[in-house]
Amino acid sequence: MPGHGCEKSGRKHTPITSKKQRGLFGAELRRRKAGKKRRMKGITTAELRSHLTESKGKKLPASAKYAKARKRKRK
């Protein structure tokens, strides 16, 4: 779900902030490829693919709880 300014700046935008979330997005993509029932109805298959490729090169914590703590420390 990229915002309006993300394409212009070249900055990658993804809602995936942890390895666990990356796994959930990957499981949803596999579920859709297999033709099974969707669990994430608010996101398209193309958006799933783009977010997974964007998060591929990031160093992510194991859970989102630690991702929030890292963001607070940076400020």
N, C-alpha and C. Protein backbone atom coordinates (compact mmCIF):
# COMPACT_ATOMS: atom_id res chain seq x y z
N MET A 1 0.82 -1.17 0.00
CA MET A 1 0.00 0.00 0.00
C MET A 1 0.87 1.25 0.00
N PRO A 2 1.63 1.42 -1.00
CA PRO A 2 2.52 2.59 -1.06
C PRO A 2 1.75 3.89 -1.07
N GLY A 3 2.31 4.88 -0.41
CA GLY A 3 1.70 6.20 -0.40
C GLY A 3 2.03 6.95 -1.67
N HIS A 4 1.54 8.18 -1.77
CA HIS A 4 1.72 8.95 -2.99
C HIS A 4 3.17 9.38 -3.20
N GLY A 5 3.92 9.62 -2.16
CA GLY A 5 5.28 10.12 -2.31
C GLY A 5 6.36 9.07 -2.39
N CYS A 6 6.03 7.82 -2.16
CA CYS A 6 7.03 6.76 -2.10
C CYS A 6 7.67 6.49 -3.46
N GLU A 7 6.88 6.55 -4.52
CA GLU A 7 7.42 6.25 -5.85
C GLU A 7 8.42 7.31 -6.28
N LYS A 8 8.15 8.57 -5.95
CA LYS A 8 8.99 9.67 -6.38
C LYS A 8 10.34 9.67 -5.67
N SER A 9 10.33 9.41 -4.39
CA SER A 9 11.55 9.49 -3.61
C SER A 9 12.45 8.26 -3.79
N GLY A 10 11.89 7.17 -4.26
CA GLY A 10 12.67 5.95 -4.42
C GLY A 10 12.80 5.16 -3.13
N ARG A 11 12.23 5.68 -2.05
CA ARG A 11 12.29 5.01 -0.75
C ARG A 11 11.30 3.84 -0.74
N LYS A 12 11.75 2.71 -0.28
CA LYS A 12 10.88 1.55 -0.21
C LYS A 12 9.95 1.69 0.98
N HIS A 13 8.69 1.33 0.74
CA HIS A 13 7.68 1.42 1.79
C HIS A 13 7.04 0.05 1.95
N THR A 14 7.01 -0.44 3.15
CA THR A 14 6.35 -1.71 3.42
C THR A 14 5.83 -1.72 4.85
N PRO A 15 4.67 -2.31 5.08
CA PRO A 15 4.15 -2.41 6.44
C PRO A 15 4.81 -3.53 7.25
N ILE A 16 5.67 -4.32 6.63
CA ILE A 16 6.32 -5.44 7.31
C ILE A 16 7.45 -4.90 8.18
N THR A 17 7.33 -5.13 9.51
CA THR A 17 8.33 -4.62 10.44
C THR A 17 9.03 -5.72 11.23
N SER A 18 8.69 -6.99 10.98
CA SER A 18 9.34 -8.08 11.71
C SER A 18 9.37 -9.34 10.86
N LYS A 19 10.19 -10.29 11.28
CA LYS A 19 10.28 -11.57 10.57
C LYS A 19 8.96 -12.33 10.66
N LYS A 20 8.28 -12.19 11.79
CA LYS A 20 7.01 -12.87 11.97
C LYS A 20 5.98 -12.34 10.97
N GLN A 21 5.95 -11.02 10.78
CA GLN A 21 5.02 -10.44 9.82
C GLN A 21 5.38 -10.86 8.39
N ARG A 22 6.68 -10.93 8.09
CA ARG A 22 7.10 -11.38 6.77
C ARG A 22 6.60 -12.80 6.52
N GLY A 23 6.67 -13.64 7.55
CA GLY A 23 6.17 -15.01 7.44
C GLY A 23 4.67 -15.06 7.21
N LEU A 24 3.91 -14.17 7.88
CA LEU A 24 2.46 -14.14 7.70
C LEU A 24 2.10 -13.70 6.29
N PHE A 25 2.82 -12.70 5.76
CA PHE A 25 2.57 -12.24 4.40
C PHE A 25 2.91 -13.35 3.40
N GLY A 26 4.02 -14.05 3.64
CA GLY A 26 4.42 -15.15 2.77
C GLY A 26 3.41 -16.29 2.79
N ALA A 27 2.89 -16.60 3.98
CA ALA A 27 1.90 -17.66 4.10
C ALA A 27 0.62 -17.28 3.36
N GLU A 28 0.24 -16.02 3.44
CA GLU A 28 -0.95 -15.56 2.73
C GLU A 28 -0.76 -15.66 1.22
N LEU A 29 0.43 -15.30 0.74
CA LEU A 29 0.71 -15.40 -0.70
C LEU A 29 0.66 -16.87 -1.16
N ARG A 30 1.25 -17.76 -0.38
CA ARG A 30 1.20 -19.19 -0.72
C ARG A 30 -0.24 -19.71 -0.71
N ARG A 31 -1.04 -19.25 0.26
CA ARG A 31 -2.43 -19.64 0.37
C ARG A 31 -3.19 -19.24 -0.90
N ARG A 32 -2.93 -18.03 -1.37
CA ARG A 32 -3.62 -17.54 -2.57
C ARG A 32 -3.17 -18.30 -3.81
N LYS A 33 -1.87 -18.61 -3.90
CA LYS A 33 -1.38 -19.37 -5.06
C LYS A 33 -2.01 -20.76 -5.10
N ALA A 34 -2.27 -21.35 -3.93
CA ALA A 34 -2.87 -22.67 -3.85
C ALA A 34 -4.38 -22.64 -4.08
N GLY A 35 -4.97 -21.44 -4.13
CA GLY A 35 -6.41 -21.31 -4.37
C GLY A 35 -7.26 -21.52 -3.13
N LYS A 36 -6.65 -21.41 -1.97
CA LYS A 36 -7.40 -21.58 -0.72
C LYS A 36 -8.05 -20.27 -0.29
N LYS A 37 -8.81 -20.35 0.80
CA LYS A 37 -9.53 -19.18 1.31
C LYS A 37 -8.55 -18.13 1.85
N ARG A 38 -8.83 -16.86 1.54
CA ARG A 38 -7.98 -15.75 1.99
C ARG A 38 -8.21 -15.43 3.46
N ARG A 39 -7.16 -14.98 4.12
CA ARG A 39 -7.29 -14.50 5.50
C ARG A 39 -7.12 -12.99 5.56
N MET A 40 -6.30 -12.43 4.68
CA MET A 40 -6.09 -10.98 4.60
C MET A 40 -6.89 -10.45 3.41
N LYS A 41 -8.10 -9.99 3.67
CA LYS A 41 -8.97 -9.57 2.58
C LYS A 41 -8.72 -8.14 2.13
N GLY A 42 -8.03 -7.34 2.91
CA GLY A 42 -7.84 -5.93 2.59
C GLY A 42 -6.62 -5.64 1.73
N ILE A 43 -5.91 -6.66 1.27
CA ILE A 43 -4.69 -6.45 0.50
C ILE A 43 -4.72 -7.33 -0.75
N THR A 44 -4.26 -6.78 -1.85
CA THR A 44 -4.26 -7.54 -3.10
C THR A 44 -3.02 -8.42 -3.18
N THR A 45 -3.06 -9.37 -4.10
CA THR A 45 -1.93 -10.28 -4.30
C THR A 45 -0.71 -9.51 -4.79
N ALA A 46 -0.91 -8.54 -5.66
CA ALA A 46 0.20 -7.73 -6.16
C ALA A 46 0.86 -6.94 -5.03
N GLU A 47 0.06 -6.41 -4.12
CA GLU A 47 0.61 -5.68 -2.97
C GLU A 47 1.39 -6.61 -2.06
N LEU A 48 0.89 -7.83 -1.86
CA LEU A 48 1.62 -8.81 -1.05
C LEU A 48 3.00 -9.07 -1.65
N ARG A 49 3.03 -9.31 -2.95
CA ARG A 49 4.31 -9.57 -3.63
C ARG A 49 5.27 -8.40 -3.47
N SER A 50 4.77 -7.17 -3.69
CA SER A 50 5.66 -6.01 -3.63
C SER A 50 6.19 -5.78 -2.23
N HIS A 51 5.36 -5.96 -1.21
CA HIS A 51 5.82 -5.77 0.17
C HIS A 51 6.85 -6.84 0.56
N LEU A 52 6.65 -8.05 0.09
CA LEU A 52 7.62 -9.11 0.40
C LEU A 52 8.96 -8.85 -0.28
N THR A 53 8.95 -8.36 -1.51
CA THR A 53 10.22 -8.08 -2.18
C THR A 53 10.90 -6.87 -1.55
N GLU A 54 10.12 -5.88 -1.10
CA GLU A 54 10.70 -4.70 -0.46
C GLU A 54 11.33 -5.05 0.89
N SER A 55 10.73 -5.98 1.61
CA SER A 55 11.26 -6.33 2.94
C SER A 55 12.39 -7.35 2.86
N LYS A 56 12.66 -7.86 1.66
CA LYS A 56 13.67 -8.91 1.50
C LYS A 56 15.05 -8.47 1.96
N GLY A 57 15.48 -7.27 1.66
CA GLY A 57 16.82 -6.83 2.01
C GLY A 57 16.95 -6.18 3.38
N LYS A 58 15.86 -6.05 4.10
CA LYS A 58 15.89 -5.40 5.41
C LYS A 58 16.33 -6.36 6.50
N LYS A 59 17.00 -5.82 7.50
CA LYS A 59 17.31 -6.59 8.70
C LYS A 59 16.16 -6.37 9.66
N LEU A 60 15.39 -7.42 9.90
CA LEU A 60 14.19 -7.30 10.72
C LEU A 60 14.35 -8.03 12.04
N PRO A 61 13.74 -7.51 13.11
CA PRO A 61 13.75 -8.23 14.39
C PRO A 61 12.79 -9.41 14.32
N ALA A 62 12.86 -10.29 15.30
CA ALA A 62 12.02 -11.47 15.31
C ALA A 62 10.54 -11.11 15.49
N SER A 63 10.24 -10.10 16.31
CA SER A 63 8.84 -9.73 16.52
C SER A 63 8.68 -8.22 16.43
N ALA A 64 7.46 -7.78 16.19
CA ALA A 64 7.17 -6.35 16.02
C ALA A 64 7.35 -5.58 17.33
N LYS A 65 7.26 -6.27 18.45
CA LYS A 65 7.44 -5.62 19.75
C LYS A 65 8.82 -4.96 19.81
N TYR A 66 9.83 -5.66 19.33
CA TYR A 66 11.18 -5.14 19.35
C TYR A 66 11.40 -4.08 18.27
N ALA A 67 10.62 -4.14 17.21
CA ALA A 67 10.73 -3.13 16.15
C ALA A 67 10.30 -1.77 16.69
N LYS A 68 9.25 -1.74 17.50
CA LYS A 68 8.78 -0.48 18.08
C LYS A 68 9.83 0.10 19.02
N ALA A 69 10.49 -0.75 19.79
CA ALA A 69 11.52 -0.29 20.72
C ALA A 69 12.71 0.29 19.95
N ARG A 70 13.06 -0.32 18.82
CA ARG A 70 14.16 0.19 18.00
C ARG A 70 13.84 1.55 17.42
N LYS A 71 12.59 1.75 17.01
CA LYS A 71 12.19 3.05 16.44
C LYS A 71 12.28 4.14 17.49
N ARG A 72 11.90 3.84 18.72
CA ARG A 72 11.95 4.85 19.78
C ARG A 72 13.38 5.25 20.09
N LYS A 73 14.31 4.30 20.04
CA LYS A 73 15.71 4.59 20.34
C LYS A 73 16.34 5.49 19.30
N ARG A 74 15.92 5.36 18.04
CA ARG A 74 16.50 6.14 16.95
C ARG A 74 16.21 7.62 17.07
N LYS A 75 15.09 7.98 17.65
CA LYS A 75 14.68 9.39 17.72
C LYS A 75 15.49 10.19 18.65
